[in-house]
Amino acid sequence: MTETLGVILAGGLARRMGGGDKCFRPLAGRVVLDWIVERAGAQCSPLIINANGDAARFDKYGLAVIADEVEGFAGPLAGILAAMDWCRLNHPDITWIASFPADAPFIPMDFVSRCREAAGARSAELVTAKSGGRTHPVCGLWNVTLADDLRRALIDEDIRKIDLWTARYNLAEVAFEIDPFDPFYNINQAEDLAEAEEIAKRLV
């Protein structure tokens, strides 16, 4: 299987947690981003971070940090587009990008391999994860050849909702088990950290 570029989407405003970077919140003796880098880095090469503002705050990870090209905090799709453009410029041999939200520290270790398998089996242009009957559109696999289509959707059509854009293409879904925990559990609010701590205890 050819390489997959991974992008950690850390470009949000974290309004529900009072602003700042959710990925730097403490979790089981580390910060949330440490967990994500470890899991995503084991599945992707190269791995980059999509974030706006001062990139120096991520220096310790030694990863390329790319900002949104579309202004105004246009959401995850803007981060995906930035990753696609960076990939085409720096790794033109790579066709697939896997996206990891910066608030989901327990992404499955077979996430990329299963998404790649689904893409091949179903001739899909995009793949998204599903668990417990819910889809997770930010956790997905994206074909780099769709970059120009995505740019038009963001700039000319002002599309921000992932589902509205992905519905145009052959989209595959990959279902993951939620026992003993939902691997796509995400930390949206401060109170979510307590449950994340309980999940983390099972993994350390």
N, C-alpha and C. Protein backbone atom coordinates (compact mmCIF):
# COMPACT_ATOMS: atom_id res chain seq x y z
N MET A 1 0.85 -1.20 0.00
CA MET A 1 0.00 0.00 0.00
C MET A 1 0.89 1.24 0.00
N THR A 2 0.61 2.20 -0.88
CA THR A 2 1.39 3.42 -0.94
C THR A 2 1.17 4.27 0.31
N GLU A 3 2.06 5.23 0.49
CA GLU A 3 1.99 6.08 1.67
C GLU A 3 0.71 6.92 1.69
N THR A 4 0.29 7.26 2.89
CA THR A 4 -0.84 8.16 3.11
C THR A 4 -0.35 9.34 3.92
N LEU A 5 -0.62 10.55 3.46
CA LEU A 5 -0.27 11.73 4.23
C LEU A 5 -1.33 11.93 5.32
N GLY A 6 -0.90 12.23 6.52
CA GLY A 6 -1.84 12.50 7.60
C GLY A 6 -1.83 13.96 7.98
N VAL A 7 -3.01 14.51 8.24
CA VAL A 7 -3.11 15.90 8.69
C VAL A 7 -3.94 15.95 9.96
N ILE A 8 -3.38 16.57 10.98
CA ILE A 8 -4.10 16.80 12.23
C ILE A 8 -4.74 18.18 12.12
N LEU A 9 -6.06 18.22 12.21
CA LEU A 9 -6.81 19.47 12.02
C LEU A 9 -6.95 20.21 13.34
N ALA A 10 -6.10 21.21 13.53
CA ALA A 10 -6.09 21.98 14.78
C ALA A 10 -6.36 23.45 14.51
N GLY A 11 -7.15 23.72 13.47
CA GLY A 11 -7.39 25.11 13.08
C GLY A 11 -8.64 25.74 13.64
N GLY A 12 -9.35 25.02 14.51
CA GLY A 12 -10.61 25.54 15.05
C GLY A 12 -10.42 26.59 16.13
N LEU A 13 -11.53 27.18 16.55
CA LEU A 13 -11.49 28.25 17.55
C LEU A 13 -11.77 27.76 18.96
N ALA A 14 -12.23 26.51 19.11
CA ALA A 14 -12.51 25.93 20.44
C ALA A 14 -13.42 26.83 21.28
N ARG A 15 -14.46 27.35 20.68
CA ARG A 15 -15.35 28.28 21.41
C ARG A 15 -15.99 27.63 22.63
N ARG A 16 -16.34 26.33 22.50
CA ARG A 16 -17.04 25.67 23.61
C ARG A 16 -16.13 25.37 24.79
N MET A 17 -14.81 25.59 24.59
CA MET A 17 -13.87 25.40 25.70
C MET A 17 -13.19 26.71 26.06
N GLY A 18 -13.81 27.81 25.66
CA GLY A 18 -13.28 29.12 26.03
C GLY A 18 -12.15 29.61 25.17
N GLY A 19 -11.98 29.01 24.00
CA GLY A 19 -10.91 29.43 23.10
C GLY A 19 -9.60 28.71 23.38
N GLY A 20 -8.59 29.04 22.60
CA GLY A 20 -7.29 28.39 22.77
C GLY A 20 -7.23 27.06 22.04
N ASP A 21 -6.16 26.32 22.27
CA ASP A 21 -5.94 25.04 21.60
C ASP A 21 -6.40 23.89 22.49
N LYS A 22 -7.49 23.24 22.09
CA LYS A 22 -7.97 22.07 22.85
C LYS A 22 -6.90 20.99 22.91
N CYS A 23 -6.10 20.91 21.87
CA CYS A 23 -5.14 19.81 21.79
C CYS A 23 -4.03 19.91 22.83
N PHE A 24 -3.91 21.04 23.52
CA PHE A 24 -2.90 21.16 24.56
C PHE A 24 -3.47 20.95 25.97
N ARG A 25 -4.72 20.53 26.05
CA ARG A 25 -5.29 20.19 27.36
C ARG A 25 -4.64 18.91 27.89
N PRO A 26 -4.40 18.83 29.19
CA PRO A 26 -3.76 17.63 29.76
C PRO A 26 -4.66 16.41 29.68
N LEU A 27 -4.03 15.25 29.43
CA LEU A 27 -4.77 13.99 29.37
C LEU A 27 -3.84 12.86 29.77
N ALA A 28 -4.09 12.31 30.94
CA ALA A 28 -3.34 11.14 31.44
C ALA A 28 -1.83 11.37 31.41
N GLY A 29 -1.40 12.51 31.95
CA GLY A 29 0.03 12.78 32.07
C GLY A 29 0.68 13.35 30.83
N ARG A 30 -0.09 13.47 29.76
CA ARG A 30 0.41 14.10 28.53
C ARG A 30 -0.59 15.16 28.11
N VAL A 31 -0.47 15.65 26.90
CA VAL A 31 -1.52 16.53 26.37
C VAL A 31 -2.23 15.77 25.26
N VAL A 32 -3.43 16.23 24.92
CA VAL A 32 -4.25 15.54 23.92
C VAL A 32 -3.48 15.33 22.62
N LEU A 33 -2.74 16.35 22.19
CA LEU A 33 -2.04 16.26 20.91
C LEU A 33 -0.99 15.15 20.91
N ASP A 34 -0.37 14.89 22.06
CA ASP A 34 0.61 13.80 22.13
C ASP A 34 -0.03 12.47 21.72
N TRP A 35 -1.23 12.25 22.20
CA TRP A 35 -1.94 11.01 21.87
C TRP A 35 -2.22 10.93 20.36
N ILE A 36 -2.64 12.05 19.80
CA ILE A 36 -3.01 12.05 18.39
C ILE A 36 -1.79 11.87 17.50
N VAL A 37 -0.71 12.57 17.82
CA VAL A 37 0.52 12.44 17.03
C VAL A 37 1.03 11.00 17.07
N GLU A 38 0.96 10.39 18.23
CA GLU A 38 1.42 9.00 18.36
C GLU A 38 0.60 8.06 17.48
N ARG A 39 -0.71 8.21 17.52
CA ARG A 39 -1.59 7.29 16.77
C ARG A 39 -1.58 7.60 15.27
N ALA A 40 -1.64 8.86 14.92
CA ALA A 40 -1.64 9.22 13.51
C ALA A 40 -0.27 8.95 12.88
N GLY A 41 0.78 9.24 13.63
CA GLY A 41 2.13 9.06 13.09
C GLY A 41 2.48 7.61 12.82
N ALA A 42 1.83 6.69 13.52
CA ALA A 42 2.08 5.27 13.30
C ALA A 42 1.41 4.77 12.03
N GLN A 43 0.49 5.58 11.47
CA GLN A 43 -0.28 5.14 10.30
C GLN A 43 0.01 5.95 9.04
N CYS A 44 0.63 7.10 9.20
CA CYS A 44 0.82 8.02 8.07
C CYS A 44 2.26 8.48 7.95
N SER A 45 2.67 8.74 6.74
CA SER A 45 3.98 9.33 6.48
C SER A 45 3.90 10.09 5.16
N PRO A 46 4.11 11.40 5.22
CA PRO A 46 4.42 12.22 6.39
C PRO A 46 3.16 12.58 7.18
N LEU A 47 3.39 13.23 8.33
CA LEU A 47 2.31 13.74 9.17
C LEU A 47 2.51 15.24 9.31
N ILE A 48 1.44 16.02 9.12
CA ILE A 48 1.52 17.47 9.25
C ILE A 48 0.40 17.96 10.16
N ILE A 49 0.49 19.22 10.56
CA ILE A 49 -0.53 19.84 11.40
C ILE A 49 -1.11 21.03 10.66
N ASN A 50 -2.43 21.11 10.63
CA ASN A 50 -3.11 22.29 10.10
C ASN A 50 -3.52 23.15 11.27
N ALA A 51 -2.95 24.36 11.36
CA ALA A 51 -3.27 25.26 12.46
C ALA A 51 -3.02 26.69 12.00
N ASN A 52 -3.77 27.61 12.57
CA ASN A 52 -3.60 29.03 12.27
C ASN A 52 -2.93 29.72 13.44
N GLY A 53 -2.36 30.89 13.21
CA GLY A 53 -1.66 31.59 14.26
C GLY A 53 -0.19 31.20 14.31
N ASP A 54 0.41 31.37 15.47
CA ASP A 54 1.84 31.14 15.65
C ASP A 54 2.17 29.65 15.58
N ALA A 55 2.87 29.24 14.55
CA ALA A 55 3.20 27.82 14.37
C ALA A 55 4.21 27.34 15.39
N ALA A 56 4.92 28.27 16.04
CA ALA A 56 5.98 27.88 16.97
C ALA A 56 5.46 27.07 18.15
N ARG A 57 4.17 27.19 18.45
CA ARG A 57 3.64 26.46 19.60
C ARG A 57 3.65 24.95 19.38
N PHE A 58 3.87 24.53 18.15
CA PHE A 58 3.94 23.10 17.84
C PHE A 58 5.38 22.62 17.60
N ASP A 59 6.35 23.46 17.89
CA ASP A 59 7.75 23.15 17.54
C ASP A 59 8.24 21.82 18.07
N LYS A 60 7.82 21.45 19.24
CA LYS A 60 8.36 20.24 19.87
C LYS A 60 8.06 18.97 19.08
N TYR A 61 7.06 19.03 18.20
CA TYR A 61 6.67 17.84 17.44
C TYR A 61 7.49 17.66 16.17
N GLY A 62 8.18 18.69 15.73
CA GLY A 62 9.00 18.57 14.54
C GLY A 62 8.22 18.29 13.27
N LEU A 63 6.98 18.73 13.22
CA LEU A 63 6.11 18.49 12.06
C LEU A 63 5.86 19.79 11.31
N ALA A 64 5.66 19.69 10.01
CA ALA A 64 5.27 20.87 9.23
C ALA A 64 3.92 21.36 9.71
N VAL A 65 3.79 22.67 9.86
CA VAL A 65 2.53 23.29 10.29
C VAL A 65 2.05 24.19 9.17
N ILE A 66 0.85 23.93 8.67
CA ILE A 66 0.32 24.70 7.55
C ILE A 66 -0.97 25.40 7.97
N ALA A 67 -1.11 26.63 7.54
CA ALA A 67 -2.30 27.42 7.88
C ALA A 67 -3.36 27.29 6.78
N ASP A 68 -4.58 27.65 7.12
CA ASP A 68 -5.66 27.69 6.13
C ASP A 68 -5.31 28.69 5.04
N GLU A 69 -5.66 28.35 3.81
CA GLU A 69 -5.50 29.29 2.70
C GLU A 69 -6.76 30.15 2.55
N VAL A 70 -7.89 29.58 2.91
CA VAL A 70 -9.16 30.30 2.87
C VAL A 70 -9.30 31.06 4.19
N GLU A 71 -9.51 32.36 4.11
CA GLU A 71 -9.55 33.18 5.31
C GLU A 71 -10.88 33.05 6.05
N GLY A 72 -10.84 33.44 7.33
CA GLY A 72 -12.07 33.54 8.10
C GLY A 72 -12.46 32.27 8.85
N PHE A 73 -11.49 31.41 9.17
CA PHE A 73 -11.77 30.18 9.90
C PHE A 73 -12.94 29.43 9.26
N ALA A 74 -12.68 28.94 8.05
CA ALA A 74 -13.72 28.32 7.24
C ALA A 74 -14.02 26.88 7.63
N GLY A 75 -13.42 26.38 8.69
CA GLY A 75 -13.74 25.05 9.18
C GLY A 75 -12.82 23.96 8.65
N PRO A 76 -13.14 22.71 8.96
CA PRO A 76 -12.27 21.59 8.59
C PRO A 76 -11.98 21.47 7.10
N LEU A 77 -12.94 21.82 6.25
CA LEU A 77 -12.70 21.71 4.82
C LEU A 77 -11.54 22.60 4.38
N ALA A 78 -11.38 23.74 5.03
CA ALA A 78 -10.26 24.63 4.70
C ALA A 78 -8.94 23.96 5.07
N GLY A 79 -8.93 23.26 6.17
CA GLY A 79 -7.72 22.53 6.56
C GLY A 79 -7.41 21.40 5.62
N ILE A 80 -8.45 20.71 5.15
CA ILE A 80 -8.26 19.63 4.18
C ILE A 80 -7.68 20.19 2.88
N LEU A 81 -8.21 21.31 2.42
CA LEU A 81 -7.68 21.92 1.20
C LEU A 81 -6.22 22.32 1.37
N ALA A 82 -5.88 22.93 2.49
CA ALA A 82 -4.49 23.32 2.74
C ALA A 82 -3.58 22.09 2.70
N ALA A 83 -4.05 20.98 3.27
CA ALA A 83 -3.25 19.75 3.27
C ALA A 83 -3.11 19.18 1.86
N MET A 84 -4.20 19.24 1.09
CA MET A 84 -4.14 18.75 -0.29
C MET A 84 -3.11 19.54 -1.11
N ASP A 85 -3.14 20.87 -0.97
CA ASP A 85 -2.21 21.70 -1.73
C ASP A 85 -0.77 21.46 -1.28
N TRP A 86 -0.56 21.32 0.01
CA TRP A 86 0.78 21.04 0.53
C TRP A 86 1.27 19.69 0.03
N CYS A 87 0.38 18.72 0.00
CA CYS A 87 0.73 17.38 -0.48
C CYS A 87 1.12 17.42 -1.95
N ARG A 88 0.34 18.10 -2.76
CA ARG A 88 0.63 18.16 -4.20
C ARG A 88 1.97 18.83 -4.47
N LEU A 89 2.32 19.81 -3.64
CA LEU A 89 3.57 20.53 -3.83
C LEU A 89 4.78 19.74 -3.32
N ASN A 90 4.62 19.09 -2.18
CA ASN A 90 5.76 18.45 -1.53
C ASN A 90 5.85 16.94 -1.74
N HIS A 91 4.71 16.30 -2.00
CA HIS A 91 4.69 14.85 -2.18
C HIS A 91 3.73 14.50 -3.32
N PRO A 92 4.08 14.86 -4.54
CA PRO A 92 3.17 14.63 -5.67
C PRO A 92 2.88 13.17 -5.96
N ASP A 93 3.64 12.27 -5.34
CA ASP A 93 3.41 10.84 -5.52
C ASP A 93 2.32 10.30 -4.60
N ILE A 94 1.88 11.08 -3.62
CA ILE A 94 0.87 10.64 -2.67
C ILE A 94 -0.52 11.05 -3.14
N THR A 95 -1.44 10.10 -3.13
CA THR A 95 -2.80 10.34 -3.62
C THR A 95 -3.81 10.56 -2.51
N TRP A 96 -3.54 9.99 -1.32
CA TRP A 96 -4.54 9.99 -0.24
C TRP A 96 -4.06 10.77 0.97
N ILE A 97 -5.01 11.51 1.56
CA ILE A 97 -4.79 12.22 2.82
C ILE A 97 -5.77 11.69 3.85
N ALA A 98 -5.25 11.38 5.03
CA ALA A 98 -6.11 10.98 6.15
C ALA A 98 -6.18 12.15 7.12
N SER A 99 -7.38 12.47 7.59
CA SER A 99 -7.54 13.60 8.51
C SER A 99 -7.88 13.12 9.92
N PHE A 100 -7.28 13.80 10.89
CA PHE A 100 -7.45 13.49 12.30
C PHE A 100 -7.81 14.77 13.04
N PRO A 101 -8.99 14.84 13.66
CA PRO A 101 -9.33 16.03 14.43
C PRO A 101 -8.45 16.15 15.67
N ALA A 102 -8.12 17.37 16.04
CA ALA A 102 -7.20 17.60 17.16
C ALA A 102 -7.85 17.44 18.52
N ASP A 103 -9.12 17.01 18.54
CA ASP A 103 -9.80 16.79 19.83
C ASP A 103 -10.24 15.34 20.00
N ALA A 104 -9.71 14.44 19.16
CA ALA A 104 -10.09 13.01 19.23
C ALA A 104 -8.82 12.18 19.47
N PRO A 105 -8.47 11.94 20.72
CA PRO A 105 -7.18 11.31 21.02
C PRO A 105 -7.11 9.80 20.88
N PHE A 106 -8.23 9.14 20.59
CA PHE A 106 -8.22 7.67 20.61
C PHE A 106 -8.52 7.04 19.25
N ILE A 107 -8.20 7.74 18.17
CA ILE A 107 -8.43 7.21 16.81
C ILE A 107 -7.85 5.81 16.69
N PRO A 108 -8.58 4.86 16.08
CA PRO A 108 -8.10 3.47 15.99
C PRO A 108 -6.76 3.36 15.27
N MET A 109 -5.96 2.41 15.70
CA MET A 109 -4.66 2.21 15.07
C MET A 109 -4.78 1.59 13.68
N ASP A 110 -5.95 1.06 13.33
CA ASP A 110 -6.17 0.53 11.98
C ASP A 110 -7.07 1.44 11.16
N PHE A 111 -7.20 2.69 11.59
CA PHE A 111 -8.09 3.64 10.91
C PHE A 111 -7.70 3.83 9.45
N VAL A 112 -6.45 4.13 9.18
CA VAL A 112 -6.02 4.40 7.81
C VAL A 112 -6.08 3.16 6.94
N SER A 113 -5.61 2.04 7.46
CA SER A 113 -5.60 0.82 6.65
C SER A 113 -7.01 0.39 6.27
N ARG A 114 -7.96 0.51 7.19
CA ARG A 114 -9.33 0.13 6.88
C ARG A 114 -9.98 1.10 5.90
N CYS A 115 -9.66 2.38 6.04
CA CYS A 115 -10.20 3.36 5.09
C CYS A 115 -9.61 3.15 3.71
N ARG A 116 -8.32 2.86 3.64
CA ARG A 116 -7.70 2.61 2.34
C ARG A 116 -8.30 1.37 1.68
N GLU A 117 -8.53 0.34 2.48
CA GLU A 117 -9.15 -0.88 1.94
C GLU A 117 -10.55 -0.60 1.39
N ALA A 118 -11.32 0.19 2.12
CA ALA A 118 -12.68 0.53 1.68
C ALA A 118 -12.64 1.35 0.40
N ALA A 119 -11.69 2.27 0.30
CA ALA A 119 -11.58 3.08 -0.90
C ALA A 119 -11.29 2.22 -2.12
N GLY A 120 -10.39 1.25 -1.95
CA GLY A 120 -10.06 0.37 -3.06
C GLY A 120 -11.20 -0.57 -3.43
N ALA A 121 -11.85 -1.12 -2.41
CA ALA A 121 -12.91 -2.10 -2.66
C ALA A 121 -14.13 -1.47 -3.30
N ARG A 122 -14.40 -0.20 -2.99
CA ARG A 122 -15.62 0.45 -3.47
C ARG A 122 -15.34 1.54 -4.50
N SER A 123 -14.09 1.63 -4.93
CA SER A 123 -13.68 2.67 -5.90
C SER A 123 -14.15 4.04 -5.43
N ALA A 124 -13.98 4.29 -4.14
CA ALA A 124 -14.47 5.53 -3.54
C ALA A 124 -13.45 6.65 -3.69
N GLU A 125 -13.96 7.87 -3.80
CA GLU A 125 -13.11 9.05 -3.85
C GLU A 125 -12.87 9.63 -2.46
N LEU A 126 -13.78 9.30 -1.54
CA LEU A 126 -13.70 9.78 -0.17
C LEU A 126 -14.17 8.67 0.75
N VAL A 127 -13.64 8.65 1.97
CA VAL A 127 -14.05 7.66 2.97
C VAL A 127 -14.24 8.39 4.29
N THR A 128 -15.28 8.01 5.03
CA THR A 128 -15.49 8.58 6.34
C THR A 128 -15.71 7.48 7.36
N ALA A 129 -15.41 7.77 8.62
CA ALA A 129 -15.57 6.79 9.68
C ALA A 129 -16.97 6.88 10.28
N LYS A 130 -17.39 5.76 10.87
CA LYS A 130 -18.70 5.67 11.50
C LYS A 130 -18.57 4.81 12.75
N SER A 131 -19.28 5.17 13.81
CA SER A 131 -19.30 4.36 15.02
C SER A 131 -20.58 4.65 15.79
N GLY A 132 -21.14 3.62 16.38
CA GLY A 132 -22.34 3.80 17.18
C GLY A 132 -23.49 4.45 16.42
N GLY A 133 -23.56 4.20 15.11
CA GLY A 133 -24.63 4.77 14.30
C GLY A 133 -24.41 6.21 13.90
N ARG A 134 -23.26 6.79 14.25
CA ARG A 134 -22.96 8.18 13.91
C ARG A 134 -21.78 8.23 12.95
N THR A 135 -21.85 9.15 12.00
CA THR A 135 -20.71 9.35 11.11
C THR A 135 -19.79 10.42 11.70
N HIS A 136 -18.54 10.33 11.32
CA HIS A 136 -17.53 11.28 11.81
C HIS A 136 -16.83 11.88 10.60
N PRO A 137 -17.44 12.88 9.97
CA PRO A 137 -16.93 13.38 8.70
C PRO A 137 -15.54 13.99 8.75
N VAL A 138 -15.10 14.44 9.93
CA VAL A 138 -13.75 15.01 10.03
C VAL A 138 -12.69 13.91 10.06
N CYS A 139 -13.10 12.70 10.41
CA CYS A 139 -12.19 11.55 10.43
C CYS A 139 -12.35 10.82 9.11
N GLY A 140 -11.50 11.13 8.17
CA GLY A 140 -11.73 10.57 6.85
C GLY A 140 -10.50 10.41 5.99
N LEU A 141 -10.74 9.95 4.80
CA LEU A 141 -9.72 9.75 3.79
C LEU A 141 -10.14 10.54 2.56
N TRP A 142 -9.22 11.32 2.01
CA TRP A 142 -9.55 12.28 0.96
C TRP A 142 -8.60 12.10 -0.22
N ASN A 143 -9.15 12.04 -1.43
CA ASN A 143 -8.32 11.92 -2.61
C ASN A 143 -7.82 13.31 -3.02
N VAL A 144 -6.52 13.43 -3.16
CA VAL A 144 -5.89 14.72 -3.44
C VAL A 144 -6.36 15.31 -4.77
N THR A 145 -6.79 14.47 -5.68
CA THR A 145 -7.23 14.97 -7.00
C THR A 145 -8.47 15.86 -6.91
N LEU A 146 -9.13 15.88 -5.75
CA LEU A 146 -10.33 16.69 -5.57
C LEU A 146 -10.02 18.11 -5.08
N ALA A 147 -8.75 18.47 -5.00
CA ALA A 147 -8.36 19.76 -4.43
C ALA A 147 -9.00 20.94 -5.14
N ASP A 148 -8.97 20.95 -6.45
CA ASP A 148 -9.52 22.10 -7.17
C ASP A 148 -11.04 22.17 -7.02
N ASP A 149 -11.70 21.01 -6.97
CA ASP A 149 -13.15 20.99 -6.73
C ASP A 149 -13.46 21.57 -5.35
N LEU A 150 -12.65 21.19 -4.37
CA LEU A 150 -12.88 21.67 -3.01
C LEU A 150 -12.62 23.18 -2.93
N ARG A 151 -11.62 23.66 -3.61
CA ARG A 151 -11.34 25.09 -3.60
C ARG A 151 -12.53 25.89 -4.16
N ARG A 152 -13.08 25.41 -5.26
CA ARG A 152 -14.25 26.09 -5.84
C ARG A 152 -15.43 26.07 -4.87
N ALA A 153 -15.63 24.93 -4.21
CA ALA A 153 -16.74 24.81 -3.27
C ALA A 153 -16.60 25.78 -2.11
N LEU A 154 -15.38 25.93 -1.61
CA LEU A 154 -15.14 26.82 -0.47
C LEU A 154 -15.22 28.29 -0.86
N ILE A 155 -14.60 28.64 -1.97
CA ILE A 155 -14.47 30.05 -2.34
C ILE A 155 -15.67 30.54 -3.14
N ASP A 156 -16.07 29.78 -4.16
CA ASP A 156 -17.14 30.25 -5.04
C ASP A 156 -18.53 29.95 -4.50
N GLU A 157 -18.67 28.83 -3.77
CA GLU A 157 -19.99 28.43 -3.28
C GLU A 157 -20.17 28.66 -1.78
N ASP A 158 -19.09 29.02 -1.11
CA ASP A 158 -19.14 29.29 0.34
C ASP A 158 -19.64 28.08 1.14
N ILE A 159 -19.28 26.90 0.69
CA ILE A 159 -19.67 25.68 1.40
C ILE A 159 -18.74 25.48 2.60
N ARG A 160 -19.33 25.20 3.74
CA ARG A 160 -18.55 24.97 4.96
C ARG A 160 -18.84 23.60 5.58
N LYS A 161 -20.02 23.09 5.37
CA LYS A 161 -20.42 21.82 5.97
C LYS A 161 -19.84 20.66 5.17
N ILE A 162 -19.12 19.79 5.84
CA ILE A 162 -18.43 18.70 5.16
C ILE A 162 -19.41 17.82 4.39
N ASP A 163 -20.52 17.47 5.03
CA ASP A 163 -21.47 16.54 4.41
C ASP A 163 -22.04 17.07 3.09
N LEU A 164 -22.20 18.37 3.00
CA LEU A 164 -22.73 18.96 1.76
C LEU A 164 -21.78 18.75 0.60
N TRP A 165 -20.49 18.80 0.90
CA TRP A 165 -19.50 18.64 -0.17
C TRP A 165 -19.25 17.17 -0.49
N THR A 166 -19.08 16.35 0.52
CA THR A 166 -18.76 14.94 0.27
C THR A 166 -19.91 14.21 -0.41
N ALA A 167 -21.15 14.70 -0.25
CA ALA A 167 -22.31 14.05 -0.85
C ALA A 167 -22.24 14.06 -2.38
N ARG A 168 -21.40 14.86 -2.95
CA ARG A 168 -21.28 14.96 -4.40
C ARG A 168 -20.47 13.81 -5.00
N TYR A 169 -19.80 13.05 -4.15
CA TYR A 169 -18.83 12.08 -4.64
C TYR A 169 -19.17 10.66 -4.17
N ASN A 170 -18.42 9.72 -4.70
CA ASN A 170 -18.57 8.33 -4.27
C ASN A 170 -17.91 8.19 -2.90
N LEU A 171 -18.73 8.19 -1.87
CA LEU A 171 -18.26 8.19 -0.49
C LEU A 171 -18.48 6.83 0.15
N ALA A 172 -17.43 6.27 0.72
CA ALA A 172 -17.54 5.00 1.45
C ALA A 172 -17.51 5.29 2.95
N GLU A 173 -18.22 4.46 3.72
CA GLU A 173 -18.20 4.56 5.18
C GLU A 173 -17.59 3.30 5.76
N VAL A 174 -16.79 3.48 6.80
CA VAL A 174 -16.19 2.35 7.49
C VAL A 174 -16.67 2.39 8.94
N ALA A 175 -17.32 1.32 9.38
CA ALA A 175 -17.88 1.26 10.73
C ALA A 175 -16.88 0.65 11.71
N PHE A 176 -16.71 1.31 12.86
CA PHE A 176 -15.82 0.84 13.91
C PHE A 176 -16.65 0.54 15.16
N GLU A 177 -16.21 -0.45 15.92
CA GLU A 177 -16.91 -0.85 17.14
C GLU A 177 -16.75 0.21 18.24
N ILE A 178 -17.73 0.29 19.13
CA ILE A 178 -17.67 1.25 20.24
C ILE A 178 -17.51 0.54 21.58
N ASP A 179 -17.23 -0.75 21.55
CA ASP A 179 -16.98 -1.52 22.76
C ASP A 179 -15.49 -1.86 22.81
N PRO A 180 -14.76 -1.51 23.85
CA PRO A 180 -15.21 -0.99 25.16
C PRO A 180 -15.40 0.52 25.22
N PHE A 181 -15.01 1.25 24.16
CA PHE A 181 -15.24 2.70 24.13
C PHE A 181 -15.28 3.14 22.67
N ASP A 182 -15.86 4.31 22.47
CA ASP A 182 -15.93 4.85 21.12
C ASP A 182 -14.56 5.44 20.76
N PRO A 183 -13.88 4.87 19.77
CA PRO A 183 -12.55 5.37 19.45
C PRO A 183 -12.55 6.77 18.83
N PHE A 184 -13.74 7.27 18.50
CA PHE A 184 -13.83 8.62 17.93
C PHE A 184 -14.36 9.62 18.95
N TYR A 185 -14.29 9.25 20.22
CA TYR A 185 -14.71 10.16 21.28
C TYR A 185 -13.92 11.45 21.15
N ASN A 186 -14.64 12.57 21.13
CA ASN A 186 -13.93 13.84 20.98
C ASN A 186 -14.22 14.77 22.15
N ILE A 187 -13.25 15.58 22.44
CA ILE A 187 -13.30 16.47 23.60
C ILE A 187 -13.75 17.85 23.13
N ASN A 188 -15.06 18.10 23.26
CA ASN A 188 -15.63 19.37 22.81
C ASN A 188 -15.73 20.40 23.92
N GLN A 189 -15.96 19.90 25.15
CA GLN A 189 -16.16 20.78 26.28
C GLN A 189 -15.26 20.33 27.43
N ALA A 190 -15.06 21.24 28.37
CA ALA A 190 -14.15 20.95 29.47
C ALA A 190 -14.57 19.68 30.23
N GLU A 191 -15.88 19.47 30.37
CA GLU A 191 -16.35 18.30 31.13
C GLU A 191 -16.07 16.99 30.40
N ASP A 192 -15.80 17.04 29.10
CA ASP A 192 -15.49 15.82 28.35
C ASP A 192 -14.13 15.24 28.73
N LEU A 193 -13.28 16.07 29.33
CA LEU A 193 -11.94 15.60 29.69
C LEU A 193 -12.00 14.49 30.74
N ALA A 194 -12.98 14.56 31.64
CA ALA A 194 -13.09 13.54 32.68
C ALA A 194 -13.34 12.16 32.07
N GLU A 195 -14.25 12.08 31.11
CA GLU A 195 -14.50 10.80 30.45
C GLU A 195 -13.31 10.35 29.63
N ALA A 196 -12.63 11.31 29.01
CA ALA A 196 -11.43 10.98 28.24
C ALA A 196 -10.35 10.39 29.15
N GLU A 197 -10.26 10.89 30.36
CA GLU A 197 -9.30 10.35 31.33
C GLU A 197 -9.60 8.89 31.63
N GLU A 198 -10.88 8.55 31.77
CA GLU A 198 -11.27 7.16 32.06
C GLU A 198 -10.91 6.25 30.90
N ILE A 199 -11.12 6.74 29.66
CA ILE A 199 -10.75 5.94 28.49
C ILE A 199 -9.24 5.77 28.43
N ALA A 200 -8.52 6.85 28.70
CA ALA A 200 -7.06 6.80 28.62
C ALA A 200 -6.46 5.79 29.59
N LYS A 201 -7.09 5.63 30.75
CA LYS A 201 -6.59 4.68 31.74
C LYS A 201 -6.55 3.25 31.18
N ARG A 202 -7.44 2.96 30.25
CA ARG A 202 -7.48 1.61 29.67
C ARG A 202 -6.37 1.40 28.64
N LEU A 203 -5.76 2.49 28.22
CA LEU A 203 -4.80 2.41 27.13
C LEU A 203 -3.36 2.61 27.56
N VAL A 204 -3.15 2.99 28.82
CA VAL A 204 -1.79 3.23 29.29
C VAL A 204 -1.30 2.05 30.10
